[in-house]
N, C-alpha and C. Protein backbone atom coordinates (compact mmCIF):
# COMPACT_ATOMS: atom_id res chain seq x y z
N MET A 1 -5.07 -21.99 27.55
CA MET A 1 -5.20 -20.54 27.51
C MET A 1 -5.11 -20.09 26.05
N THR A 2 -6.04 -19.23 25.63
CA THR A 2 -6.03 -18.74 24.26
C THR A 2 -4.97 -17.66 24.10
N LEU A 3 -4.64 -17.37 22.85
CA LEU A 3 -3.64 -16.33 22.58
C LEU A 3 -4.03 -14.99 23.18
N LYS A 4 -5.29 -14.59 23.05
CA LYS A 4 -5.70 -13.28 23.55
C LYS A 4 -5.67 -13.20 25.07
N GLU A 5 -5.62 -14.34 25.75
CA GLU A 5 -5.53 -14.36 27.21
C GLU A 5 -4.09 -14.29 27.70
N LYS A 6 -3.14 -14.52 26.82
CA LYS A 6 -1.73 -14.48 27.19
C LYS A 6 -1.22 -13.05 27.19
N LYS A 7 -0.05 -12.86 27.79
CA LYS A 7 0.63 -11.57 27.79
C LYS A 7 1.93 -11.72 27.00
N CYS A 8 2.29 -10.67 26.30
CA CYS A 8 3.57 -10.67 25.59
C CYS A 8 4.71 -10.69 26.61
N VAL A 9 5.73 -11.45 26.29
CA VAL A 9 6.91 -11.56 27.15
C VAL A 9 8.03 -10.76 26.50
N PRO A 10 8.65 -9.83 27.25
CA PRO A 10 9.72 -9.03 26.65
C PRO A 10 10.79 -9.91 25.99
N CYS A 11 11.20 -9.52 24.80
CA CYS A 11 12.19 -10.29 24.06
C CYS A 11 13.38 -9.40 23.75
N GLU A 12 14.53 -9.80 24.21
CA GLU A 12 15.76 -9.06 23.95
C GLU A 12 16.65 -9.78 22.95
N GLY A 13 16.10 -10.76 22.27
CA GLY A 13 16.88 -11.54 21.33
C GLY A 13 17.36 -12.82 21.98
N GLY A 14 18.20 -13.54 21.27
CA GLY A 14 18.76 -14.78 21.81
C GLY A 14 17.81 -15.96 21.74
N VAL A 15 16.64 -15.77 21.15
CA VAL A 15 15.70 -16.89 20.95
C VAL A 15 15.45 -17.02 19.46
N ALA A 16 15.12 -18.20 19.05
CA ALA A 16 14.88 -18.45 17.63
C ALA A 16 13.50 -17.97 17.21
N ALA A 17 13.42 -17.45 16.01
CA ALA A 17 12.12 -17.11 15.42
C ALA A 17 11.36 -18.40 15.16
N LEU A 18 10.04 -18.29 15.07
CA LEU A 18 9.23 -19.45 14.74
C LEU A 18 9.56 -19.93 13.33
N THR A 19 9.42 -21.22 13.12
CA THR A 19 9.63 -21.78 11.79
C THR A 19 8.40 -21.52 10.93
N ASP A 20 8.53 -21.68 9.62
CA ASP A 20 7.39 -21.50 8.72
C ASP A 20 6.25 -22.44 9.08
N ASP A 21 6.57 -23.68 9.46
CA ASP A 21 5.52 -24.63 9.85
C ASP A 21 4.80 -24.16 11.12
N GLN A 22 5.54 -23.65 12.09
CA GLN A 22 4.93 -23.14 13.32
C GLN A 22 4.05 -21.93 13.02
N ILE A 23 4.54 -21.06 12.14
CA ILE A 23 3.78 -19.87 11.77
C ILE A 23 2.49 -20.26 11.08
N THR A 24 2.57 -21.17 10.13
CA THR A 24 1.38 -21.63 9.41
C THR A 24 0.36 -22.20 10.38
N SER A 25 0.82 -22.99 11.31
CA SER A 25 -0.07 -23.59 12.31
C SER A 25 -0.74 -22.52 13.16
N MET A 26 0.03 -21.54 13.61
CA MET A 26 -0.51 -20.50 14.49
C MET A 26 -1.43 -19.53 13.74
N LEU A 27 -1.18 -19.34 12.45
CA LEU A 27 -2.06 -18.47 11.66
C LEU A 27 -3.49 -19.00 11.65
N GLY A 28 -3.63 -20.31 11.80
CA GLY A 28 -4.95 -20.92 11.84
C GLY A 28 -5.79 -20.47 13.03
N SER A 29 -5.16 -19.92 14.06
CA SER A 29 -5.90 -19.46 15.23
C SER A 29 -6.29 -17.98 15.13
N LEU A 30 -5.90 -17.34 14.03
CA LEU A 30 -6.23 -15.94 13.80
C LEU A 30 -7.22 -15.83 12.64
N THR A 31 -7.76 -14.64 12.45
CA THR A 31 -8.71 -14.39 11.38
C THR A 31 -8.06 -13.53 10.30
N GLU A 32 -7.81 -14.11 9.14
CA GLU A 32 -7.34 -13.42 7.93
C GLU A 32 -5.97 -12.74 8.05
N TRP A 33 -5.15 -13.16 8.97
CA TRP A 33 -3.77 -12.68 9.01
C TRP A 33 -2.98 -13.52 8.03
N GLU A 34 -1.93 -12.94 7.47
CA GLU A 34 -1.08 -13.69 6.54
C GLU A 34 0.39 -13.42 6.83
N GLN A 35 1.19 -14.39 6.48
CA GLN A 35 2.63 -14.22 6.61
C GLN A 35 3.14 -13.46 5.40
N CYS A 36 3.99 -12.51 5.65
CA CYS A 36 4.63 -11.73 4.59
C CYS A 36 6.11 -11.64 4.95
N GLY A 37 6.88 -12.61 4.47
CA GLY A 37 8.29 -12.66 4.84
C GLY A 37 8.45 -12.93 6.32
N LYS A 38 9.10 -12.00 7.02
CA LYS A 38 9.36 -12.17 8.44
C LYS A 38 8.35 -11.43 9.30
N LYS A 39 7.15 -11.20 8.75
CA LYS A 39 6.10 -10.48 9.46
C LYS A 39 4.76 -11.19 9.25
N ILE A 40 3.80 -10.87 10.12
CA ILE A 40 2.42 -11.20 9.84
C ILE A 40 1.68 -9.87 9.66
N LYS A 41 0.66 -9.88 8.79
CA LYS A 41 -0.04 -8.63 8.53
C LYS A 41 -1.51 -8.89 8.24
N LYS A 42 -2.29 -7.81 8.39
CA LYS A 42 -3.71 -7.88 8.10
C LYS A 42 -4.21 -6.48 7.75
N LEU A 43 -5.11 -6.44 6.79
CA LEU A 43 -5.76 -5.20 6.40
C LEU A 43 -7.16 -5.17 7.01
N PHE A 44 -7.47 -4.11 7.75
CA PHE A 44 -8.78 -3.91 8.36
C PHE A 44 -9.47 -2.79 7.59
N LYS A 45 -10.75 -2.99 7.25
CA LYS A 45 -11.50 -1.99 6.50
C LYS A 45 -12.62 -1.42 7.36
N PHE A 46 -12.87 -0.11 7.19
CA PHE A 46 -13.86 0.61 7.97
C PHE A 46 -14.69 1.50 7.06
N LYS A 47 -15.80 2.02 7.58
CA LYS A 47 -16.70 2.85 6.78
C LYS A 47 -16.13 4.23 6.49
N ASN A 48 -15.24 4.71 7.35
CA ASN A 48 -14.71 6.05 7.16
C ASN A 48 -13.39 6.22 7.90
N PHE A 49 -12.81 7.39 7.77
CA PHE A 49 -11.52 7.67 8.39
C PHE A 49 -11.62 7.65 9.92
N LYS A 50 -12.68 8.23 10.46
CA LYS A 50 -12.81 8.32 11.91
C LYS A 50 -12.84 6.95 12.56
N LYS A 51 -13.58 6.01 11.95
CA LYS A 51 -13.63 4.65 12.51
C LYS A 51 -12.26 3.97 12.42
N ALA A 52 -11.55 4.18 11.33
CA ALA A 52 -10.21 3.61 11.19
C ALA A 52 -9.26 4.22 12.22
N LEU A 53 -9.36 5.52 12.43
CA LEU A 53 -8.50 6.20 13.41
C LEU A 53 -8.79 5.71 14.83
N THR A 54 -10.07 5.55 15.15
CA THR A 54 -10.43 5.03 16.47
C THR A 54 -9.81 3.65 16.68
N PHE A 55 -9.91 2.81 15.67
CA PHE A 55 -9.32 1.47 15.73
C PHE A 55 -7.81 1.55 15.96
N VAL A 56 -7.14 2.40 15.19
CA VAL A 56 -5.68 2.55 15.32
C VAL A 56 -5.31 2.99 16.74
N ASN A 57 -6.07 3.90 17.30
CA ASN A 57 -5.79 4.34 18.67
C ASN A 57 -5.99 3.22 19.67
N GLN A 58 -6.99 2.38 19.45
CA GLN A 58 -7.21 1.22 20.32
C GLN A 58 -6.06 0.22 20.20
N VAL A 59 -5.58 0.02 18.97
CA VAL A 59 -4.42 -0.85 18.76
C VAL A 59 -3.21 -0.28 19.50
N GLY A 60 -3.05 1.02 19.45
CA GLY A 60 -1.95 1.67 20.17
C GLY A 60 -2.02 1.43 21.67
N ASP A 61 -3.21 1.47 22.23
CA ASP A 61 -3.38 1.20 23.66
C ASP A 61 -2.98 -0.23 24.00
N ILE A 62 -3.40 -1.16 23.16
CA ILE A 62 -3.02 -2.57 23.39
C ILE A 62 -1.51 -2.74 23.27
N ALA A 63 -0.92 -2.14 22.24
CA ALA A 63 0.52 -2.25 22.02
C ALA A 63 1.29 -1.72 23.22
N GLU A 64 0.85 -0.60 23.76
CA GLU A 64 1.53 -0.04 24.94
C GLU A 64 1.38 -0.97 26.14
N ALA A 65 0.19 -1.50 26.35
CA ALA A 65 -0.04 -2.40 27.48
C ALA A 65 0.80 -3.67 27.37
N GLU A 66 0.96 -4.17 26.14
CA GLU A 66 1.73 -5.40 25.92
C GLU A 66 3.22 -5.14 25.73
N ARG A 67 3.58 -3.87 25.55
CA ARG A 67 4.97 -3.48 25.29
C ARG A 67 5.51 -4.20 24.05
N HIS A 68 4.63 -4.29 23.05
CA HIS A 68 4.99 -4.93 21.79
C HIS A 68 4.28 -4.12 20.70
N HIS A 69 5.05 -3.48 19.84
CA HIS A 69 4.52 -2.44 18.97
C HIS A 69 4.56 -2.81 17.49
N PRO A 70 3.40 -2.79 16.85
CA PRO A 70 3.31 -3.11 15.42
C PRO A 70 3.59 -1.87 14.57
N ASP A 71 3.76 -2.09 13.30
CA ASP A 71 3.72 -0.99 12.34
C ASP A 71 2.27 -0.84 11.92
N ILE A 72 1.80 0.40 11.91
CA ILE A 72 0.41 0.68 11.60
C ILE A 72 0.37 1.67 10.44
N PHE A 73 -0.38 1.34 9.41
CA PHE A 73 -0.55 2.19 8.24
C PHE A 73 -2.03 2.58 8.17
N LEU A 74 -2.31 3.88 8.27
CA LEU A 74 -3.66 4.38 8.32
C LEU A 74 -4.00 5.17 7.07
N ALA A 75 -5.17 4.91 6.50
CA ALA A 75 -5.67 5.65 5.35
C ALA A 75 -7.19 5.73 5.48
N TYR A 76 -7.82 6.46 4.59
CA TYR A 76 -9.28 6.59 4.66
C TYR A 76 -9.93 5.21 4.59
N GLY A 77 -10.65 4.87 5.64
CA GLY A 77 -11.42 3.63 5.65
C GLY A 77 -10.62 2.35 5.80
N LYS A 78 -9.34 2.47 6.13
CA LYS A 78 -8.57 1.23 6.30
C LYS A 78 -7.35 1.46 7.19
N ALA A 79 -6.91 0.37 7.78
CA ALA A 79 -5.68 0.34 8.57
C ALA A 79 -5.03 -1.00 8.34
N GLU A 80 -3.74 -0.97 8.05
CA GLU A 80 -2.99 -2.22 7.88
C GLU A 80 -2.03 -2.34 9.06
N ILE A 81 -2.00 -3.53 9.63
CA ILE A 81 -1.14 -3.81 10.77
C ILE A 81 -0.10 -4.83 10.35
N GLU A 82 1.17 -4.55 10.62
CA GLU A 82 2.26 -5.50 10.42
C GLU A 82 2.94 -5.73 11.76
N ILE A 83 3.17 -6.99 12.07
CA ILE A 83 3.76 -7.34 13.37
C ILE A 83 4.92 -8.30 13.17
N TRP A 84 6.01 -8.04 13.85
CA TRP A 84 7.12 -8.96 13.94
C TRP A 84 7.93 -8.60 15.16
N THR A 85 8.80 -9.48 15.56
CA THR A 85 9.63 -9.24 16.73
C THR A 85 10.98 -8.72 16.27
N HIS A 86 11.18 -7.44 16.48
CA HIS A 86 12.38 -6.75 15.99
C HIS A 86 13.66 -7.38 16.53
N ALA A 87 13.66 -7.76 17.81
CA ALA A 87 14.88 -8.26 18.45
C ALA A 87 15.40 -9.55 17.81
N ILE A 88 14.51 -10.31 17.17
CA ILE A 88 14.95 -11.56 16.53
C ILE A 88 14.81 -11.49 15.01
N ASN A 89 14.35 -10.33 14.53
CA ASN A 89 14.13 -10.14 13.10
C ASN A 89 13.32 -11.29 12.49
N GLY A 90 12.23 -11.60 13.19
CA GLY A 90 11.37 -12.69 12.74
C GLY A 90 10.07 -12.69 13.53
N ILE A 91 9.37 -13.77 13.43
CA ILE A 91 8.05 -13.89 14.05
C ILE A 91 8.14 -14.76 15.31
N SER A 92 7.53 -14.27 16.38
CA SER A 92 7.51 -15.00 17.65
C SER A 92 6.07 -15.16 18.13
N GLU A 93 5.89 -15.89 19.21
CA GLU A 93 4.55 -16.06 19.78
C GLU A 93 3.96 -14.70 20.17
N ASN A 94 4.80 -13.76 20.62
CA ASN A 94 4.30 -12.43 20.97
C ASN A 94 3.50 -11.81 19.83
N ASP A 95 3.95 -12.02 18.62
CA ASP A 95 3.27 -11.44 17.46
C ASP A 95 1.86 -11.99 17.32
N PHE A 96 1.69 -13.26 17.60
CA PHE A 96 0.38 -13.88 17.52
C PHE A 96 -0.51 -13.45 18.69
N ILE A 97 0.08 -13.25 19.85
CA ILE A 97 -0.67 -12.76 21.01
C ILE A 97 -1.23 -11.37 20.69
N LEU A 98 -0.38 -10.49 20.17
CA LEU A 98 -0.81 -9.15 19.82
C LEU A 98 -1.88 -9.18 18.72
N ALA A 99 -1.68 -9.99 17.72
CA ALA A 99 -2.65 -10.11 16.62
C ALA A 99 -4.01 -10.58 17.14
N ALA A 100 -4.02 -11.54 18.05
CA ALA A 100 -5.28 -12.05 18.61
C ALA A 100 -5.99 -10.95 19.39
N LYS A 101 -5.25 -10.15 20.12
CA LYS A 101 -5.86 -9.05 20.88
C LYS A 101 -6.41 -7.98 19.93
N ILE A 102 -5.72 -7.75 18.82
CA ILE A 102 -6.21 -6.80 17.82
C ILE A 102 -7.47 -7.33 17.17
N ASP A 103 -7.48 -8.61 16.81
CA ASP A 103 -8.68 -9.22 16.24
C ASP A 103 -9.87 -9.08 17.17
N ASP A 104 -9.63 -9.18 18.47
CA ASP A 104 -10.69 -9.09 19.46
C ASP A 104 -11.36 -7.71 19.44
N LEU A 105 -10.63 -6.68 19.03
CA LEU A 105 -11.21 -5.34 18.94
C LEU A 105 -12.36 -5.29 17.94
N VAL A 106 -12.19 -5.92 16.81
CA VAL A 106 -13.22 -5.87 15.77
C VAL A 106 -14.29 -6.93 15.97
N ALA A 107 -14.01 -7.89 16.82
CA ALA A 107 -14.99 -8.95 17.09
C ALA A 107 -16.02 -8.49 18.12
N THR A 108 -15.66 -7.48 18.91
CA THR A 108 -16.57 -7.04 19.98
C THR A 108 -17.38 -5.84 19.55
């Protein structure tokens, strides 16, 4: 099963964050995401503000459906997404699931 086919599992803590080696390996299944400390992030570029806003709203719909919410930074022609699992203050598989679903938005 691919990451985008999986569902995020609620995390209340008590589990270990992924190791740097695990994160590096999983980043290979995403497009242009990078590790930034205890988060993964990606900058998406668009032709104008309206297209970026539409994308952000679509990301919001996915985040609500998955019950896993990224930080979203919106500006003219771009949106940056940062994802991490707050309950463990680190990166979990949920973050990669959400990232894969976000990538799927721009691939379609």
